[in-house]
Amino acid sequence: WLHHADPHLRVLMDPDLGPFAACSPKDGHTAYPFDPLP
């Protein structure tokens, strides 16, 4: 929990910077608007 789940969940669930930032909790996956890192 302390060294794995908590840090990963903070990143995953971050509404501005996380990988789900463009998704809606109710509507789910949207077209992925972000390009890969250059």
Full PDB file with SEQRES, HELIX, SHEET, SSBOND, CRYST1, ORIGX, SCALE, CONECT and MASTER records, all heavy atoms in Angstrom:
SEQRES   1 A   38  TRP LEU HIS HIS ALA ASP PRO HIS LEU ARG VAL LEU MET          
SEQRES   2 A   38  ASP PRO ASP LEU GLY PRO PHE ALA ALA CYS SER PRO LYS          
SEQRES   3 A   38  ASP GLY HIS THR ALA TYR PRO PHE ASP PRO LEU PRO              
HELIX    1 AA1 ALA A    5  LEU A   12  1                                   8    
CRYST1    1.000    1.000    1.000  90.00  90.00  90.00 P 1           1          
ORIGX1      1.000000  0.000000  0.000000        0.00000                         
ORIGX2      0.000000  1.000000  0.000000        0.00000                         
ORIGX3      0.000000  0.000000  1.000000        0.00000                         
SCALE1      1.000000  0.000000  0.000000        0.00000                         
SCALE2      0.000000  1.000000  0.000000        0.00000                         
SCALE3      0.000000  0.000000  1.000000        0.00000                         
ATOM      1  N   TRP A   1       0.828  -1.216   0.000  1.00  0.00           N  
ATOM      2  CA  TRP A   1       0.000   0.000   0.000  1.00  0.00           C  
ATOM      3  C   TRP A   1       0.859   1.260   0.000  1.00  0.00           C  
ATOM      4  O   TRP A   1       0.646   2.156  -0.818  1.00  0.00           O  
ATOM      5  CB  TRP A   1      -0.942   0.014   1.214  1.00  0.00           C  
ATOM      6  CG  TRP A   1      -2.155  -0.836   1.027  1.00  0.00           C  
ATOM      7  CD1 TRP A   1      -2.395  -2.048   1.600  1.00  0.00           C  
ATOM      8  CD2 TRP A   1      -3.276  -0.566   0.185  1.00  0.00           C  
ATOM      9  NE1 TRP A   1      -3.607  -2.540   1.168  1.00  0.00           N  
ATOM     10  CE2 TRP A   1      -4.177  -1.647   0.311  1.00  0.00           C  
ATOM     11  CE3 TRP A   1      -3.628   0.494  -0.655  1.00  0.00           C  
ATOM     12  CZ2 TRP A   1      -5.388  -1.702  -0.372  1.00  0.00           C  
ATOM     13  CZ3 TRP A   1      -4.835   0.443  -1.333  1.00  0.00           C  
ATOM     14  CH2 TRP A   1      -5.701  -0.653  -1.185  1.00  0.00           C  
ATOM     15  N   LEU A   2       1.821   1.336   0.914  1.00  0.00           N  
ATOM     16  CA  LEU A   2       2.600   2.572   1.067  1.00  0.00           C  
ATOM     17  C   LEU A   2       3.562   2.846  -0.080  1.00  0.00           C  
ATOM     18  O   LEU A   2       3.726   3.993  -0.498  1.00  0.00           O  
ATOM     19  CB  LEU A   2       3.394   2.533   2.374  1.00  0.00           C  
ATOM     20  CG  LEU A   2       2.568   2.639   3.644  1.00  0.00           C  
ATOM     21  CD1 LEU A   2       3.446   2.407   4.861  1.00  0.00           C  
ATOM     22  CD2 LEU A   2       1.868   3.982   3.732  1.00  0.00           C  
ATOM     23  N   HIS A   3       4.211   1.814  -0.585  1.00  0.00           N  
ATOM     24  CA  HIS A   3       5.274   2.025  -1.563  1.00  0.00           C  
ATOM     25  C   HIS A   3       4.879   1.682  -3.001  1.00  0.00           C  
ATOM     26  O   HIS A   3       5.653   1.962  -3.923  1.00  0.00           O  
ATOM     27  CB  HIS A   3       6.524   1.227  -1.170  1.00  0.00           C  
ATOM     28  CG  HIS A   3       7.079   1.671   0.145  1.00  0.00           C  
ATOM     29  ND1 HIS A   3       7.739   2.867   0.311  1.00  0.00           N  
ATOM     30  CD2 HIS A   3       7.029   1.095   1.364  1.00  0.00           C  
ATOM     31  CE1 HIS A   3       8.086   3.003   1.570  1.00  0.00           C  
ATOM     32  NE2 HIS A   3       7.678   1.938   2.236  1.00  0.00           N  
ATOM     33  N   HIS A   4       3.730   1.084  -3.187  1.00  0.00           N  
ATOM     34  CA  HIS A   4       3.310   0.701  -4.530  1.00  0.00           C  
ATOM     35  C   HIS A   4       1.936   1.291  -4.862  1.00  0.00           C  
ATOM     36  O   HIS A   4       1.814   2.098  -5.779  1.00  0.00           O  
ATOM     37  CB  HIS A   4       3.309  -0.821  -4.693  1.00  0.00           C  
ATOM     38  CG  HIS A   4       4.651  -1.421  -4.484  1.00  0.00           C  
ATOM     39  ND1 HIS A   4       5.595  -1.507  -5.482  1.00  0.00           N  
ATOM     40  CD2 HIS A   4       5.235  -1.936  -3.370  1.00  0.00           C  
ATOM     41  CE1 HIS A   4       6.696  -2.049  -5.005  1.00  0.00           C  
ATOM     42  NE2 HIS A   4       6.505  -2.325  -3.724  1.00  0.00           N  
ATOM     43  N   ALA A   5       0.895   0.877  -4.155  1.00  0.00           N  
ATOM     44  CA  ALA A   5      -0.466   1.297  -4.492  1.00  0.00           C  
ATOM     45  C   ALA A   5      -0.663   2.805  -4.358  1.00  0.00           C  
ATOM     46  O   ALA A   5      -1.165   3.442  -5.292  1.00  0.00           O  
ATOM     47  CB  ALA A   5      -1.474   0.553  -3.622  1.00  0.00           C  
ATOM     48  N   ASP A   6      -0.299   3.371  -3.216  1.00  0.00           N  
ATOM     49  CA  ASP A   6      -0.548   4.798  -3.012  1.00  0.00           C  
ATOM     50  C   ASP A   6       0.106   5.671  -4.078  1.00  0.00           C  
ATOM     51  O   ASP A   6      -0.582   6.506  -4.690  1.00  0.00           O  
ATOM     52  CB  ASP A   6      -0.121   5.242  -1.613  1.00  0.00           C  
ATOM     53  CG  ASP A   6      -1.032   4.692  -0.516  1.00  0.00           C  
ATOM     54  OD1 ASP A   6      -2.140   4.217  -0.840  1.00  0.00           O  
ATOM     55  OD2 ASP A   6      -0.629   4.747   0.656  1.00  0.00           O  
ATOM     56  N   PRO A   7       1.400   5.507  -4.380  1.00  0.00           N  
ATOM     57  CA  PRO A   7       1.986   6.359  -5.425  1.00  0.00           C  
ATOM     58  C   PRO A   7       1.385   6.122  -6.814  1.00  0.00           C  
ATOM     59  O   PRO A   7       1.133   7.080  -7.549  1.00  0.00           O  
ATOM     60  CB  PRO A   7       3.470   5.993  -5.419  1.00  0.00           C  
ATOM     61  CG  PRO A   7       3.722   5.260  -4.153  1.00  0.00           C  
ATOM     62  CD  PRO A   7       2.417   4.684  -3.709  1.00  0.00           C  
ATOM     63  N   HIS A   8       1.143   4.866  -7.183  1.00  0.00           N  
ATOM     64  CA  HIS A   8       0.573   4.601  -8.505  1.00  0.00           C  
ATOM     65  C   HIS A   8      -0.855   5.132  -8.614  1.00  0.00           C  
ATOM     66  O   HIS A   8      -1.233   5.705  -9.635  1.00  0.00           O  
ATOM     67  CB  HIS A   8       0.601   3.110  -8.827  1.00  0.00           C  
ATOM     68  CG  HIS A   8       1.937   2.612  -9.256  1.00  0.00           C  
ATOM     69  ND1 HIS A   8       2.558   3.032 -10.404  1.00  0.00           N  
ATOM     70  CD2 HIS A   8       2.785   1.721  -8.674  1.00  0.00           C  
ATOM     71  CE1 HIS A   8       3.725   2.434 -10.528  1.00  0.00           C  
ATOM     72  NE2 HIS A   8       3.895   1.632  -9.485  1.00  0.00           N  
ATOM     73  N   LEU A   9      -1.654   4.941  -7.573  1.00  0.00           N  
ATOM     74  CA  LEU A   9      -3.032   5.421  -7.625  1.00  0.00           C  
ATOM     75  C   LEU A   9      -3.093   6.941  -7.683  1.00  0.00           C  
ATOM     76  O   LEU A   9      -3.968   7.506  -8.348  1.00  0.00           O  
ATOM     77  CB  LEU A   9      -3.835   4.886  -6.440  1.00  0.00           C  
ATOM     78  CG  LEU A   9      -4.146   3.394  -6.511  1.00  0.00           C  
ATOM     79  CD1 LEU A   9      -4.771   2.911  -5.217  1.00  0.00           C  
ATOM     80  CD2 LEU A   9      -5.038   3.074  -7.703  1.00  0.00           C  
ATOM     81  N   ARG A  10      -2.172   7.629  -6.994  1.00  0.00           N  
ATOM     82  CA  ARG A  10      -2.132   9.097  -7.088  1.00  0.00           C  
ATOM     83  C   ARG A  10      -1.919   9.536  -8.536  1.00  0.00           C  
ATOM     84  O   ARG A  10      -2.559  10.464  -9.011  1.00  0.00           O  
ATOM     85  CB  ARG A  10      -1.045   9.677  -6.191  1.00  0.00           C  
ATOM     86  CG  ARG A  10      -1.508   9.969  -4.781  1.00  0.00           C  
ATOM     87  CD  ARG A  10      -0.501  10.815  -4.020  1.00  0.00           C  
ATOM     88  NE  ARG A  10       0.765  10.146  -3.797  1.00  0.00           N  
ATOM     89  CZ  ARG A  10       1.014   9.305  -2.797  1.00  0.00           C  
ATOM     90  NH1 ARG A  10       0.069   9.018  -1.923  1.00  0.00           N  
ATOM     91  NH2 ARG A  10       2.196   8.748  -2.676  1.00  0.00           N  
ATOM     92  N   VAL A  11      -1.013   8.869  -9.230  1.00  0.00           N  
ATOM     93  CA  VAL A  11      -0.748   9.220 -10.631  1.00  0.00           C  
ATOM     94  C   VAL A  11      -1.923   8.807 -11.512  1.00  0.00           C  
ATOM     95  O   VAL A  11      -2.413   9.594 -12.329  1.00  0.00           O  
ATOM     96  CB  VAL A  11       0.561   8.570 -11.131  1.00  0.00           C  
ATOM     97  CG1 VAL A  11       0.725   8.756 -12.633  1.00  0.00           C  
ATOM     98  CG2 VAL A  11       1.760   9.145 -10.384  1.00  0.00           C  
ATOM     99  N   LEU A  12      -2.383   7.578 -11.363  1.00  0.00           N  
ATOM    100  CA  LEU A  12      -3.468   7.083 -12.210  1.00  0.00           C  
ATOM    101  C   LEU A  12      -4.725   7.929 -12.096  1.00  0.00           C  
ATOM    102  O   LEU A  12      -5.391   8.203 -13.096  1.00  0.00           O  
ATOM    103  CB  LEU A  12      -3.801   5.628 -11.853  1.00  0.00           C  
ATOM    104  CG  LEU A  12      -2.805   4.583 -12.316  1.00  0.00           C  
ATOM    105  CD1 LEU A  12      -3.095   3.239 -11.644  1.00  0.00           C  
ATOM    106  CD2 LEU A  12      -2.831   4.454 -13.825  1.00  0.00           C  
ATOM    107  N   MET A  13      -5.064   8.348 -10.888  1.00  0.00           N  
ATOM    108  CA  MET A  13      -6.329   9.032 -10.662  1.00  0.00           C  
ATOM    109  C   MET A  13      -6.226  10.560 -10.700  1.00  0.00           C  
ATOM    110  O   MET A  13      -7.221  11.243 -10.495  1.00  0.00           O  
ATOM    111  CB  MET A  13      -6.920   8.549  -9.335  1.00  0.00           C  
ATOM    112  CG  MET A  13      -7.179   7.049  -9.353  1.00  0.00           C  
ATOM    113  SD  MET A  13      -7.862   6.421  -7.829  1.00  0.00           S  
ATOM    114  CE  MET A  13      -9.602   6.572  -8.236  1.00  0.00           C  
ATOM    115  N   ASP A  14      -5.049  11.079 -11.014  1.00  0.00           N  
ATOM    116  CA  ASP A  14      -4.876  12.525 -11.105  1.00  0.00           C  
ATOM    117  C   ASP A  14      -5.721  13.055 -12.269  1.00  0.00           C  
ATOM    118  O   ASP A  14      -5.488  12.681 -13.420  1.00  0.00           O  
ATOM    119  CB  ASP A  14      -3.409  12.878 -11.308  1.00  0.00           C  
ATOM    120  CG  ASP A  14      -3.164  14.363 -11.252  1.00  0.00           C  
ATOM    121  OD1 ASP A  14      -3.704  15.090 -12.115  1.00  0.00           O  
ATOM    122  OD2 ASP A  14      -2.427  14.810 -10.359  1.00  0.00           O  
ATOM    123  N   PRO A  15      -6.691  13.940 -11.993  1.00  0.00           N  
ATOM    124  CA  PRO A  15      -7.604  14.377 -13.055  1.00  0.00           C  
ATOM    125  C   PRO A  15      -6.983  15.336 -14.065  1.00  0.00           C  
ATOM    126  O   PRO A  15      -7.557  15.542 -15.135  1.00  0.00           O  
ATOM    127  CB  PRO A  15      -8.735  15.060 -12.284  1.00  0.00           C  
ATOM    128  CG  PRO A  15      -8.096  15.531 -11.035  1.00  0.00           C  
ATOM    129  CD  PRO A  15      -7.035  14.514 -10.698  1.00  0.00           C  
ATOM    130  N   ASP A  16      -5.828  15.904 -13.752  1.00  0.00           N  
ATOM    131  CA  ASP A  16      -5.183  16.834 -14.676  1.00  0.00           C  
ATOM    132  C   ASP A  16      -4.011  16.217 -15.412  1.00  0.00           C  
ATOM    133  O   ASP A  16      -3.811  16.481 -16.592  1.00  0.00           O  
ATOM    134  CB  ASP A  16      -4.687  18.082 -13.929  1.00  0.00           C  
ATOM    135  CG  ASP A  16      -5.827  18.900 -13.365  1.00  0.00           C  
ATOM    136  OD1 ASP A  16      -6.848  19.051 -14.068  1.00  0.00           O  
ATOM    137  OD2 ASP A  16      -5.708  19.378 -12.230  1.00  0.00           O  
ATOM    138  N   LEU A  17      -3.210  15.403 -14.729  1.00  0.00           N  
ATOM    139  CA  LEU A  17      -1.970  14.904 -15.302  1.00  0.00           C  
ATOM    140  C   LEU A  17      -1.931  13.394 -15.500  1.00  0.00           C  
ATOM    141  O   LEU A  17      -1.017  12.886 -16.130  1.00  0.00           O  
ATOM    142  CB  LEU A  17      -0.791  15.323 -14.411  1.00  0.00           C  
ATOM    143  CG  LEU A  17      -0.622  16.829 -14.208  1.00  0.00           C  
ATOM    144  CD1 LEU A  17       0.466  17.111 -13.184  1.00  0.00           C  
ATOM    145  CD2 LEU A  17      -0.343  17.521 -15.522  1.00  0.00           C  
ATOM    146  N   GLY A  18      -2.888  12.684 -14.964  1.00  0.00           N  
ATOM    147  CA  GLY A  18      -2.877  11.224 -15.053  1.00  0.00           C  
ATOM    148  C   GLY A  18      -3.324  10.721 -16.414  1.00  0.00           C  
ATOM    149  O   GLY A  18      -3.836  11.475 -17.247  1.00  0.00           O  
ATOM    150  N   PRO A  19      -3.148   9.434 -16.662  1.00  0.00           N  
ATOM    151  CA  PRO A  19      -3.499   8.865 -17.960  1.00  0.00           C  
ATOM    152  C   PRO A  19      -4.997   8.894 -18.266  1.00  0.00           C  
ATOM    153  O   PRO A  19      -5.390   8.749 -19.414  1.00  0.00           O  
ATOM    154  CB  PRO A  19      -2.984   7.430 -17.884  1.00  0.00           C  
ATOM    155  CG  PRO A  19      -2.874   7.137 -16.436  1.00  0.00           C  
ATOM    156  CD  PRO A  19      -2.584   8.439 -15.757  1.00  0.00           C  
ATOM    157  N   PHE A  20      -5.833   9.110 -17.256  1.00  0.00           N  
ATOM    158  CA  PHE A  20      -7.279   9.167 -17.472  1.00  0.00           C  
ATOM    159  C   PHE A  20      -7.805  10.599 -17.531  1.00  0.00           C  
ATOM    160  O   PHE A  20      -9.014  10.826 -17.465  1.00  0.00           O  
ATOM    161  CB  PHE A  20      -8.022   8.418 -16.359  1.00  0.00           C  
ATOM    162  CG  PHE A  20      -7.561   7.011 -16.133  1.00  0.00           C  
ATOM    163  CD1 PHE A  20      -7.427   6.524 -14.843  1.00  0.00           C  
ATOM    164  CD2 PHE A  20      -7.271   6.163 -17.187  1.00  0.00           C  
ATOM    165  CE1 PHE A  20      -7.022   5.212 -14.615  1.00  0.00           C  
ATOM    166  CE2 PHE A  20      -6.854   4.854 -16.975  1.00  0.00           C  
ATOM    167  CZ  PHE A  20      -6.730   4.386 -15.680  1.00  0.00           C  
ATOM    168  N   ALA A  21      -6.925  11.587 -17.660  1.00  0.00           N  
ATOM    169  CA  ALA A  21      -7.320  12.995 -17.607  1.00  0.00           C  
ATOM    170  C   ALA A  21      -8.377  13.358 -18.644  1.00  0.00           C  
ATOM    171  O   ALA A  21      -9.194  14.245 -18.414  1.00  0.00           O  
ATOM    172  CB  ALA A  21      -6.096  13.896 -17.765  1.00  0.00           C  
ATOM    173  N   ALA A  22      -8.393  12.683 -19.775  1.00  0.00           N  
ATOM    174  CA  ALA A  22      -9.366  13.005 -20.818  1.00  0.00           C  
ATOM    175  C   ALA A  22     -10.610  12.118 -20.752  1.00  0.00           C  
ATOM    176  O   ALA A  22     -11.488  12.238 -21.594  1.00  0.00           O  
ATOM    177  CB  ALA A  22      -8.716  12.872 -22.196  1.00  0.00           C  
ATOM    178  N   CYS A  23     -10.690  11.250 -19.750  1.00  0.00           N  
ATOM    179  CA  CYS A  23     -11.822  10.337 -19.633  1.00  0.00           C  
ATOM    180  C   CYS A  23     -12.800  10.823 -18.582  1.00  0.00           C  
ATOM    181  O   CYS A  23     -12.457  11.593 -17.689  1.00  0.00           O  
ATOM    182  CB  CYS A  23     -11.333   8.936 -19.261  1.00  0.00           C  
ATOM    183  SG  CYS A  23     -10.363   8.180 -20.557  1.00  0.00           S  
ATOM    184  N   SER A  24     -13.990  10.330 -18.678  1.00  0.00           N  
ATOM    185  CA  SER A  24     -15.037  10.652 -17.723  1.00  0.00           C  
ATOM    186  C   SER A  24     -15.329   9.425 -16.877  1.00  0.00           C  
ATOM    187  O   SER A  24     -15.484   8.325 -17.424  1.00  0.00           O  
ATOM    188  CB  SER A  24     -16.301  11.071 -18.474  1.00  0.00           C  
ATOM    189  OG  SER A  24     -17.421  11.019 -17.627  1.00  0.00           O  
ATOM    190  N   PRO A  25     -15.434   9.595 -15.557  1.00  0.00           N  
ATOM    191  CA  PRO A  25     -15.775   8.447 -14.719  1.00  0.00           C  
ATOM    192  C   PRO A  25     -17.113   7.818 -15.110  1.00  0.00           C  
ATOM    193  O   PRO A  25     -17.295   6.622 -14.973  1.00  0.00           O  
ATOM    194  CB  PRO A  25     -15.839   9.022 -13.308  1.00  0.00           C  
ATOM    195  CG  PRO A  25     -15.044  10.276 -13.365  1.00  0.00           C  
ATOM    196  CD  PRO A  25     -15.176  10.791 -14.769  1.00  0.00           C  
ATOM    197  N   LYS A  26     -18.048   8.619 -15.627  1.00  0.00           N  
ATOM    198  CA  LYS A  26     -19.358   8.095 -16.019  1.00  0.00           C  
ATOM    199  C   LYS A  26     -19.377   7.632 -17.472  1.00  0.00           C  
ATOM    200  O   LYS A  26     -19.968   6.617 -17.794  1.00  0.00           O  
ATOM    201  CB  LYS A  26     -20.440   9.143 -15.791  1.00  0.00           C  
ATOM    202  CG  LYS A  26     -20.703   9.405 -14.331  1.00  0.00           C  
ATOM    203  CD  LYS A  26     -21.829  10.368 -14.142  1.00  0.00           C  
ATOM    204  CE  LYS A  26     -22.027  10.606 -12.650  1.00  0.00           C  
ATOM    205  NZ  LYS A  26     -23.084  11.538 -12.377  1.00  0.00           N  
ATOM    206  N   ASP A  27     -18.744   8.404 -18.348  1.00  0.00           N  
ATOM    207  CA  ASP A  27     -18.809   8.097 -19.777  1.00  0.00           C  
ATOM    208  C   ASP A  27     -17.656   7.232 -20.259  1.00  0.00           C  
ATOM    209  O   ASP A  27     -17.678   6.731 -21.375  1.00  0.00           O  
ATOM    210  CB  ASP A  27     -18.851   9.394 -20.589  1.00  0.00           C  
ATOM    211  CG  ASP A  27     -20.075  10.231 -20.233  1.00  0.00           C  
ATOM    212  OD1 ASP A  27     -21.130   9.641 -19.911  1.00  0.00           O  
ATOM    213  OD2 ASP A  27     -19.961  11.465 -20.270  1.00  0.00           O  
ATOM    214  N   GLY A  28     -16.642   7.083 -19.434  1.00  0.00           N  
ATOM    215  CA  GLY A  28     -15.539   6.206 -19.767  1.00  0.00           C  
ATOM    216  C   GLY A  28     -14.553   6.796 -20.745  1.00  0.00           C  
ATOM    217  O   GLY A  28     -14.352   8.001 -20.804  1.00  0.00           O  
ATOM    218  N   HIS A  29     -13.980   5.910 -21.520  1.00  0.00           N  
ATOM    219  CA  HIS A  29     -12.890   6.238 -22.430  1.00  0.00           C  
ATOM    220  C   HIS A  29     -13.363   7.141 -23.563  1.00  0.00           C  
ATOM    221  O   HIS A  29     -14.383   6.892 -24.178  1.00  0.00           O  
ATOM    222  CB  HIS A  29     -12.321   4.939 -22.993  1.00  0.00           C  
ATOM    223  CG  HIS A  29     -11.076   5.110 -23.767  1.00  0.00           C  
ATOM    224  ND1 HIS A  29      -9.871   5.391 -23.185  1.00  0.00           N  
ATOM    225  CD2 HIS A  29     -10.848   5.050 -25.090  1.00  0.00           C  
ATOM    226  CE1 HIS A  29      -8.947   5.484 -24.121  1.00  0.00           C  
ATOM    227  NE2 HIS A  29      -9.507   5.287 -25.283  1.00  0.00           N  
ATOM    228  N   THR A  30     -12.594   8.173 -23.790  1.00  0.00           N  
ATOM    229  CA  THR A  30     -12.846   9.045 -24.922  1.00  0.00           C  
ATOM    230  C   THR A  30     -11.668   8.912 -25.884  1.00  0.00           C  
ATOM    231  O   THR A  30     -10.680   8.273 -25.567  1.00  0.00           O  
ATOM    232  CB  THR A  30     -12.979  10.519 -24.468  1.00  0.00           C  
ATOM    233  OG1 THR A  30     -11.775  10.900 -23.806  1.00  0.00           O  
ATOM    234  CG2 THR A  30     -14.146  10.691 -23.511  1.00  0.00           C  
ATOM    235  N   ALA A  31     -11.784   9.520 -27.019  1.00  0.00           N  
ATOM    236  CA  ALA A  31     -10.655   9.496 -27.956  1.00  0.00           C  
ATOM    237  C   ALA A  31      -9.435  10.048 -27.244  1.00  0.00           C  
ATOM    238  O   ALA A  31      -9.490  11.103 -26.611  1.00  0.00           O  
ATOM    239  CB  ALA A  31     -10.981  10.325 -29.188  1.00  0.00           C  
ATOM    240  N   TYR A  32      -8.348   9.316 -27.304  1.00  0.00           N  
ATOM    241  CA  TYR A  32      -7.138   9.716 -26.577  1.00  0.00           C  
ATOM    242  C   TYR A  32      -6.537  10.953 -27.233  1.00  0.00           C  
ATOM    243  O   TYR A  32      -5.997  10.860 -28.334  1.00  0.00           O  
ATOM    244  CB  TYR A  32      -6.156   8.544 -26.543  1.00  0.00           C  
ATOM    245  CG  TYR A  32      -5.243   8.575 -25.354  1.00  0.00           C  
ATOM    246  CD1 TYR A  32      -5.750   8.514 -24.068  1.00  0.00           C  
ATOM    247  CD2 TYR A  32      -3.865   8.680 -25.510  1.00  0.00           C  
ATOM    248  CE1 TYR A  32      -4.920   8.546 -22.982  1.00  0.00           C  
ATOM    249  CE2 TYR A  32      -3.032   8.705 -24.419  1.00  0.00           C  
ATOM    250  CZ  TYR A  32      -3.566   8.644 -23.157  1.00  0.00           C  
ATOM    251  OH  TYR A  32      -2.732   8.675 -22.073  1.00  0.00           O  
ATOM    252  N   PRO A  33      -6.631  12.126 -26.599  1.00  0.00           N  
ATOM    253  CA  PRO A  33      -6.229  13.372 -27.255  1.00  0.00           C  
ATOM    254  C   PRO A  33      -4.743  13.701 -27.164  1.00  0.00           C  
ATOM    255  O   PRO A  33      -4.302  14.661 -27.767  1.00  0.00           O  
ATOM    256  CB  PRO A  33      -7.041  14.416 -26.490  1.00  0.00           C  
ATOM    257  CG  PRO A  33      -7.112  13.862 -25.106  1.00  0.00           C  
ATOM    258  CD  PRO A  33      -7.223  12.355 -25.299  1.00  0.00           C  
ATOM    259  N   PHE A  34      -3.990  12.910 -26.436  1.00  0.00           N  
ATOM    260  CA  PHE A  34      -2.594  13.250 -26.202  1.00  0.00           C  
ATOM    261  C   PHE A  34      -1.673  12.426 -27.081  1.00  0.00           C  
ATOM    262  O   PHE A  34      -1.869  11.232 -27.258  1.00  0.00           O  
ATOM    263  CB  PHE A  34      -2.219  13.036 -24.729  1.00  0.00           C  
ATOM    264  CG  PHE A  34      -3.168  13.704 -23.780  1.00  0.00           C  
ATOM    265  CD1 PHE A  34      -3.953  12.957 -22.931  1.00  0.00           C  
ATOM    266  CD2 PHE A  34      -3.290  15.087 -23.740  1.00  0.00           C  
ATOM    267  CE1 PHE A  34      -4.834  13.565 -22.054  1.00  0.00           C  
ATOM    268  CE2 PHE A  34      -4.166  15.704 -22.880  1.00  0.00           C  
ATOM    269  CZ  PHE A  34      -4.948  14.948 -22.029  1.00  0.00           C  
ATOM    270  N   ASP A  35      -0.676  13.085 -27.603  1.00  0.00           N  
ATOM    271  CA  ASP A  35       0.335  12.395 -28.398  1.00  0.00           C  
ATOM    272  C   ASP A  35       1.367  11.761 -27.469  1.00  0.00           C  
ATOM    273  O   ASP A  35       1.546  12.212 -26.332  1.00  0.00           O  
ATOM    274  CB  ASP A  35       1.055  13.383 -29.322  1.00  0.00           C  
ATOM    275  CG  ASP A  35       0.132  13.913 -30.413  1.00  0.00           C  
ATOM    276  OD1 ASP A  35      -0.760  13.151 -30.845  1.00  0.00           O  
ATOM    277  OD2 ASP A  35       0.306  15.074 -30.812  1.00  0.00           O  
ATOM    278  N   PRO A  36       2.082  10.739 -27.956  1.00  0.00           N  
ATOM    279  CA  PRO A  36       3.193  10.193 -27.162  1.00  0.00           C  
ATOM    280  C   PRO A  36       4.240  11.280 -26.914  1.00  0.00           C  
ATOM    281  O   PRO A  36       4.286  12.289 -27.633  1.00  0.00           O  
ATOM    282  CB  PRO A  36       3.763   9.088 -28.050  1.00  0.00           C  
ATOM    283  CG  PRO A  36       2.695   8.772 -29.023  1.00  0.00           C  
ATOM    284  CD  PRO A  36       1.902  10.023 -29.216  1.00  0.00           C  
ATOM    285  N   LEU A  37       5.072  11.070 -25.924  1.00  0.00           N  
ATOM    286  CA  LEU A  37       6.152  12.019 -25.658  1.00  0.00           C  
ATOM    287  C   LEU A  37       7.040  12.125 -26.888  1.00  0.00           C  
ATOM    288  O   LEU A  37       7.345  11.112 -27.531  1.00  0.00           O  
ATOM    289  CB  LEU A  37       6.977  11.555 -24.457  1.00  0.00           C  
ATOM    290  CG  LEU A  37       6.246  11.487 -23.122  1.00  0.00           C  
ATOM    291  CD1 LEU A  37       7.155  10.886 -22.059  1.00  0.00           C  
ATOM    292  CD2 LEU A  37       5.758  12.857 -22.700  1.00  0.00           C  
ATOM    293  N   PRO A  38       7.469  13.342 -27.219  1.00  0.00           N  
ATOM    294  CA  PRO A  38       8.331  13.466 -28.401  1.00  0.00           C  
ATOM    295  C   PRO A  38       9.708  12.848 -28.131  1.00  0.00           C  
ATOM    296  O   PRO A  38      10.247  12.973 -27.043  1.00  0.00           O  
ATOM    297  CB  PRO A  38       8.437  14.974 -28.600  1.00  0.00           C  
ATOM    298  CG  PRO A  38       8.080  15.576 -27.297  1.00  0.00           C  
ATOM    299  CD  PRO A  38       7.187  14.612 -26.591  1.00  0.00           C  
TER     300      PRO A  38                                                      
MASTER        0    0    0    1    0    0    0    6  299    1    0    3          
END                                                                             
